[in-house]
């Protein structure tokens, strides 16, 4: 990892799991988890660390989705991480 961690002090986090990158954030099939609703816990604000609990139902169907984590503060929303999410039945 390069650089300093992103300070999450006084921030809210949102994790969006979407069927496809072009799906609107409020579109069908989008799962939104956040610190405000309790699925995400900031574990080290100064160190930029958090954990998220994703329900089994959000990952019930195999396939490829996309995910994104936004850091939200009043008047500001920044995407911190994003990528593909591959769900495979084992």
N, C-alpha and C. Protein backbone atom coordinates (compact mmCIF):
# COMPACT_ATOMS: atom_id res chain seq x y z
N UNK A 1 0.85 -1.17 0.00
CA UNK A 1 0.00 0.00 0.00
C UNK A 1 0.89 1.23 0.00
N UNK A 2 0.60 2.18 -0.86
CA UNK A 2 1.37 3.41 -0.96
C UNK A 2 0.63 4.57 -0.32
N UNK A 3 1.37 5.48 0.28
CA UNK A 3 0.78 6.70 0.82
C UNK A 3 0.17 6.49 2.19
N UNK A 4 -0.41 7.57 2.68
CA UNK A 4 -1.04 7.55 3.99
C UNK A 4 -2.46 7.02 3.88
N UNK A 5 -2.97 6.39 4.95
CA UNK A 5 -4.36 5.92 4.93
C UNK A 5 -5.33 7.10 4.87
N UNK A 6 -6.50 6.85 4.32
CA UNK A 6 -7.55 7.87 4.23
C UNK A 6 -8.22 7.97 5.60
N UNK A 7 -8.13 9.11 6.23
CA UNK A 7 -8.68 9.31 7.58
C UNK A 7 -10.21 9.29 7.51
N UNK A 8 -10.81 8.40 8.26
CA UNK A 8 -12.27 8.24 8.26
C UNK A 8 -12.95 8.92 9.45
N UNK A 9 -12.19 9.72 10.20
CA UNK A 9 -12.76 10.42 11.35
C UNK A 9 -13.94 11.28 10.89
N UNK A 10 -15.07 11.16 11.57
CA UNK A 10 -16.29 11.92 11.26
C UNK A 10 -16.87 11.62 9.88
N UNK A 11 -16.52 10.48 9.32
CA UNK A 11 -17.04 10.11 8.00
C UNK A 11 -18.09 9.02 8.13
N UNK A 12 -18.95 8.93 7.14
CA UNK A 12 -19.86 7.81 6.99
C UNK A 12 -19.38 7.02 5.77
N UNK A 13 -19.55 5.71 5.81
CA UNK A 13 -19.17 4.87 4.69
C UNK A 13 -20.41 4.22 4.09
N UNK A 14 -20.41 4.08 2.77
CA UNK A 14 -21.46 3.34 2.08
C UNK A 14 -20.80 2.34 1.15
N UNK A 15 -21.27 1.10 1.21
CA UNK A 15 -20.84 0.05 0.30
C UNK A 15 -22.02 -0.28 -0.59
N UNK A 16 -21.82 -0.12 -1.89
CA UNK A 16 -22.87 -0.44 -2.86
C UNK A 16 -22.45 -1.68 -3.63
N UNK A 17 -23.34 -2.66 -3.70
CA UNK A 17 -23.16 -3.84 -4.53
C UNK A 17 -24.20 -3.75 -5.63
N UNK A 18 -23.72 -3.65 -6.88
CA UNK A 18 -24.62 -3.38 -8.00
C UNK A 18 -24.56 -4.50 -9.04
N UNK A 19 -25.67 -4.75 -9.74
CA UNK A 19 -25.66 -5.79 -10.78
C UNK A 19 -24.67 -5.49 -11.90
N UNK A 20 -24.46 -4.21 -12.21
CA UNK A 20 -23.54 -3.80 -13.28
C UNK A 20 -23.08 -2.37 -13.00
N UNK A 21 -21.95 -2.00 -13.56
CA UNK A 21 -21.39 -0.67 -13.31
C UNK A 21 -22.33 0.45 -13.73
N UNK A 22 -23.11 0.23 -14.79
CA UNK A 22 -23.99 1.29 -15.28
C UNK A 22 -25.37 1.30 -14.60
N UNK A 23 -25.58 0.42 -13.62
CA UNK A 23 -26.83 0.43 -12.86
C UNK A 23 -26.85 1.67 -11.96
N UNK A 24 -27.92 2.46 -12.00
CA UNK A 24 -28.00 3.63 -11.10
C UNK A 24 -27.89 3.19 -9.64
N UNK A 25 -27.33 4.05 -8.81
CA UNK A 25 -27.15 3.72 -7.40
C UNK A 25 -28.46 3.37 -6.70
N UNK A 26 -29.57 3.90 -7.18
CA UNK A 26 -30.87 3.59 -6.59
C UNK A 26 -31.68 2.62 -7.47
N UNK A 27 -30.98 1.95 -8.37
CA UNK A 27 -31.65 1.05 -9.31
C UNK A 27 -32.00 -0.30 -8.71
N UNK A 28 -32.72 -1.11 -9.49
CA UNK A 28 -33.13 -2.43 -9.00
C UNK A 28 -31.92 -3.33 -8.78
N UNK A 29 -31.99 -4.11 -7.72
CA UNK A 29 -30.94 -5.06 -7.43
C UNK A 29 -29.73 -4.50 -6.71
N UNK A 30 -29.74 -3.18 -6.42
CA UNK A 30 -28.60 -2.57 -5.73
C UNK A 30 -28.75 -2.78 -4.23
N UNK A 31 -27.67 -3.24 -3.60
CA UNK A 31 -27.63 -3.41 -2.15
C UNK A 31 -26.76 -2.28 -1.60
N UNK A 32 -27.28 -1.54 -0.62
CA UNK A 32 -26.53 -0.45 0.00
C UNK A 32 -26.35 -0.76 1.48
N UNK A 33 -25.10 -0.82 1.90
CA UNK A 33 -24.76 -1.02 3.31
C UNK A 33 -24.06 0.25 3.77
N UNK A 34 -24.19 0.59 5.06
CA UNK A 34 -23.57 1.83 5.52
C UNK A 34 -23.28 1.80 7.02
N UNK A 35 -22.50 2.78 7.43
CA UNK A 35 -22.27 2.96 8.86
C UNK A 35 -23.56 3.43 9.52
N UNK A 36 -24.36 4.19 8.79
CA UNK A 36 -25.61 4.71 9.35
C UNK A 36 -26.64 3.65 9.64
N UNK A 37 -26.63 2.56 8.85
CA UNK A 37 -27.59 1.49 9.07
C UNK A 37 -26.97 0.30 9.80
N UNK A 38 -25.67 0.40 10.12
CA UNK A 38 -25.03 -0.56 11.00
C UNK A 38 -24.31 -1.73 10.38
N UNK A 39 -24.33 -1.88 9.06
CA UNK A 39 -23.63 -3.01 8.46
C UNK A 39 -22.12 -2.77 8.34
N UNK A 40 -21.72 -1.51 8.38
CA UNK A 40 -20.29 -1.16 8.31
C UNK A 40 -19.87 -0.55 9.64
N UNK A 41 -18.73 -1.01 10.13
CA UNK A 41 -18.16 -0.49 11.37
C UNK A 41 -16.75 0.04 11.07
N UNK A 42 -16.51 1.29 11.42
CA UNK A 42 -15.17 1.84 11.29
C UNK A 42 -14.37 1.34 12.49
N UNK A 43 -13.31 0.59 12.21
CA UNK A 43 -12.53 -0.04 13.28
C UNK A 43 -11.28 0.76 13.65
N UNK A 44 -10.78 1.58 12.76
CA UNK A 44 -9.61 2.44 13.01
C UNK A 44 -9.74 3.65 12.10
N UNK A 45 -10.40 4.70 12.59
CA UNK A 45 -10.68 5.87 11.76
C UNK A 45 -9.40 6.50 11.21
N UNK A 46 -8.43 6.76 12.06
CA UNK A 46 -7.19 7.40 11.61
C UNK A 46 -6.42 6.50 10.64
N UNK A 47 -6.54 5.19 10.82
CA UNK A 47 -5.86 4.24 9.94
C UNK A 47 -6.64 3.87 8.71
N UNK A 48 -7.86 4.41 8.55
CA UNK A 48 -8.67 4.15 7.37
C UNK A 48 -9.23 2.75 7.28
N UNK A 49 -9.46 2.09 8.42
CA UNK A 49 -9.92 0.70 8.41
C UNK A 49 -11.38 0.58 8.84
N UNK A 50 -12.08 -0.33 8.16
CA UNK A 50 -13.49 -0.61 8.48
C UNK A 50 -13.80 -2.04 8.09
N UNK A 51 -14.88 -2.57 8.66
CA UNK A 51 -15.37 -3.89 8.27
C UNK A 51 -16.83 -3.75 7.85
N UNK A 52 -17.25 -4.64 6.95
CA UNK A 52 -18.63 -4.65 6.48
C UNK A 52 -19.18 -6.07 6.59
N UNK A 53 -20.44 -6.17 7.00
CA UNK A 53 -21.13 -7.45 7.04
C UNK A 53 -22.15 -7.47 5.90
N UNK A 54 -21.94 -8.40 4.97
CA UNK A 54 -22.82 -8.53 3.82
C UNK A 54 -23.72 -9.73 4.06
N UNK A 55 -25.02 -9.52 3.95
CA UNK A 55 -25.96 -10.62 4.21
C UNK A 55 -25.87 -11.70 3.15
N UNK A 56 -26.22 -12.88 3.55
CA UNK A 56 -26.23 -14.02 2.63
C UNK A 56 -27.15 -13.78 1.44
N UNK A 57 -28.28 -13.11 1.66
CA UNK A 57 -29.22 -12.88 0.56
C UNK A 57 -28.64 -11.97 -0.52
N UNK A 58 -27.75 -11.06 -0.14
CA UNK A 58 -27.13 -10.16 -1.14
C UNK A 58 -26.20 -10.92 -2.06
N UNK A 59 -25.76 -12.10 -1.63
CA UNK A 59 -24.82 -12.90 -2.42
C UNK A 59 -25.40 -14.25 -2.81
N UNK A 60 -26.73 -14.37 -2.80
CA UNK A 60 -27.38 -15.66 -3.01
C UNK A 60 -27.22 -16.19 -4.44
N UNK A 61 -27.22 -15.31 -5.42
CA UNK A 61 -27.17 -15.74 -6.81
C UNK A 61 -25.75 -15.62 -7.36
N UNK A 62 -25.23 -16.70 -7.99
CA UNK A 62 -23.89 -16.62 -8.56
C UNK A 62 -23.86 -15.65 -9.74
N UNK A 63 -22.69 -15.10 -9.99
CA UNK A 63 -22.51 -14.18 -11.10
C UNK A 63 -21.55 -13.07 -10.73
N UNK A 64 -21.31 -12.19 -11.68
CA UNK A 64 -20.40 -11.08 -11.46
C UNK A 64 -21.19 -9.80 -11.23
N UNK A 65 -20.83 -9.08 -10.19
CA UNK A 65 -21.42 -7.79 -9.86
C UNK A 65 -20.27 -6.79 -9.74
N UNK A 66 -20.58 -5.58 -9.37
CA UNK A 66 -19.55 -4.58 -9.06
C UNK A 66 -19.82 -4.04 -7.67
N UNK A 67 -18.76 -3.57 -7.01
CA UNK A 67 -18.90 -2.99 -5.68
C UNK A 67 -18.14 -1.69 -5.62
N UNK A 68 -18.55 -0.84 -4.69
CA UNK A 68 -17.91 0.47 -4.52
C UNK A 68 -18.08 0.90 -3.08
N UNK A 69 -17.02 1.47 -2.48
CA UNK A 69 -17.10 2.05 -1.14
C UNK A 69 -16.92 3.54 -1.27
N UNK A 70 -17.89 4.30 -0.77
CA UNK A 70 -17.83 5.77 -0.77
C UNK A 70 -17.63 6.27 0.64
N UNK A 71 -16.79 7.31 0.77
CA UNK A 71 -16.61 8.02 2.03
C UNK A 71 -17.47 9.27 1.92
N UNK A 72 -18.44 9.42 2.83
CA UNK A 72 -19.43 10.49 2.74
C UNK A 72 -19.27 11.44 3.92
N UNK A 73 -19.14 12.71 3.60
CA UNK A 73 -19.12 13.78 4.59
C UNK A 73 -20.07 14.86 4.07
N UNK A 74 -20.52 15.78 4.92
CA UNK A 74 -21.43 16.83 4.44
C UNK A 74 -20.83 17.55 3.22
N UNK A 75 -21.55 17.54 2.12
CA UNK A 75 -21.13 18.21 0.90
C UNK A 75 -20.07 17.48 0.11
N UNK A 76 -19.75 16.25 0.49
CA UNK A 76 -18.67 15.53 -0.18
C UNK A 76 -18.94 14.03 -0.22
N UNK A 77 -18.70 13.42 -1.35
CA UNK A 77 -18.77 11.96 -1.51
C UNK A 77 -17.58 11.58 -2.37
N UNK A 78 -16.72 10.72 -1.83
CA UNK A 78 -15.53 10.28 -2.55
C UNK A 78 -15.51 8.75 -2.60
N UNK A 79 -15.25 8.23 -3.78
CA UNK A 79 -15.11 6.79 -3.92
C UNK A 79 -13.71 6.40 -3.47
N UNK A 80 -13.65 5.50 -2.47
CA UNK A 80 -12.37 5.08 -1.91
C UNK A 80 -11.86 3.80 -2.58
N UNK A 81 -12.78 2.88 -2.90
CA UNK A 81 -12.40 1.60 -3.49
C UNK A 81 -13.55 1.11 -4.37
N UNK A 82 -13.22 0.30 -5.36
CA UNK A 82 -14.26 -0.29 -6.21
C UNK A 82 -13.66 -1.48 -6.97
N UNK A 83 -14.52 -2.30 -7.54
CA UNK A 83 -14.03 -3.40 -8.33
C UNK A 83 -15.11 -4.42 -8.63
N UNK A 84 -14.74 -5.49 -9.34
CA UNK A 84 -15.70 -6.56 -9.63
C UNK A 84 -15.89 -7.43 -8.38
N UNK A 85 -17.05 -8.05 -8.30
CA UNK A 85 -17.36 -8.99 -7.23
C UNK A 85 -17.89 -10.26 -7.89
N UNK A 86 -17.15 -11.33 -7.75
CA UNK A 86 -17.52 -12.60 -8.36
C UNK A 86 -18.11 -13.50 -7.29
N UNK A 87 -19.35 -13.89 -7.48
CA UNK A 87 -20.03 -14.79 -6.54
C UNK A 87 -20.11 -16.16 -7.19
N UNK A 88 -19.53 -17.16 -6.51
CA UNK A 88 -19.46 -18.51 -7.05
C UNK A 88 -20.05 -19.47 -6.03
N UNK A 89 -20.94 -20.34 -6.46
CA UNK A 89 -21.43 -21.40 -5.58
C UNK A 89 -20.37 -22.49 -5.50
N UNK A 90 -19.99 -22.85 -4.29
CA UNK A 90 -18.97 -23.89 -4.11
C UNK A 90 -19.61 -25.22 -3.76
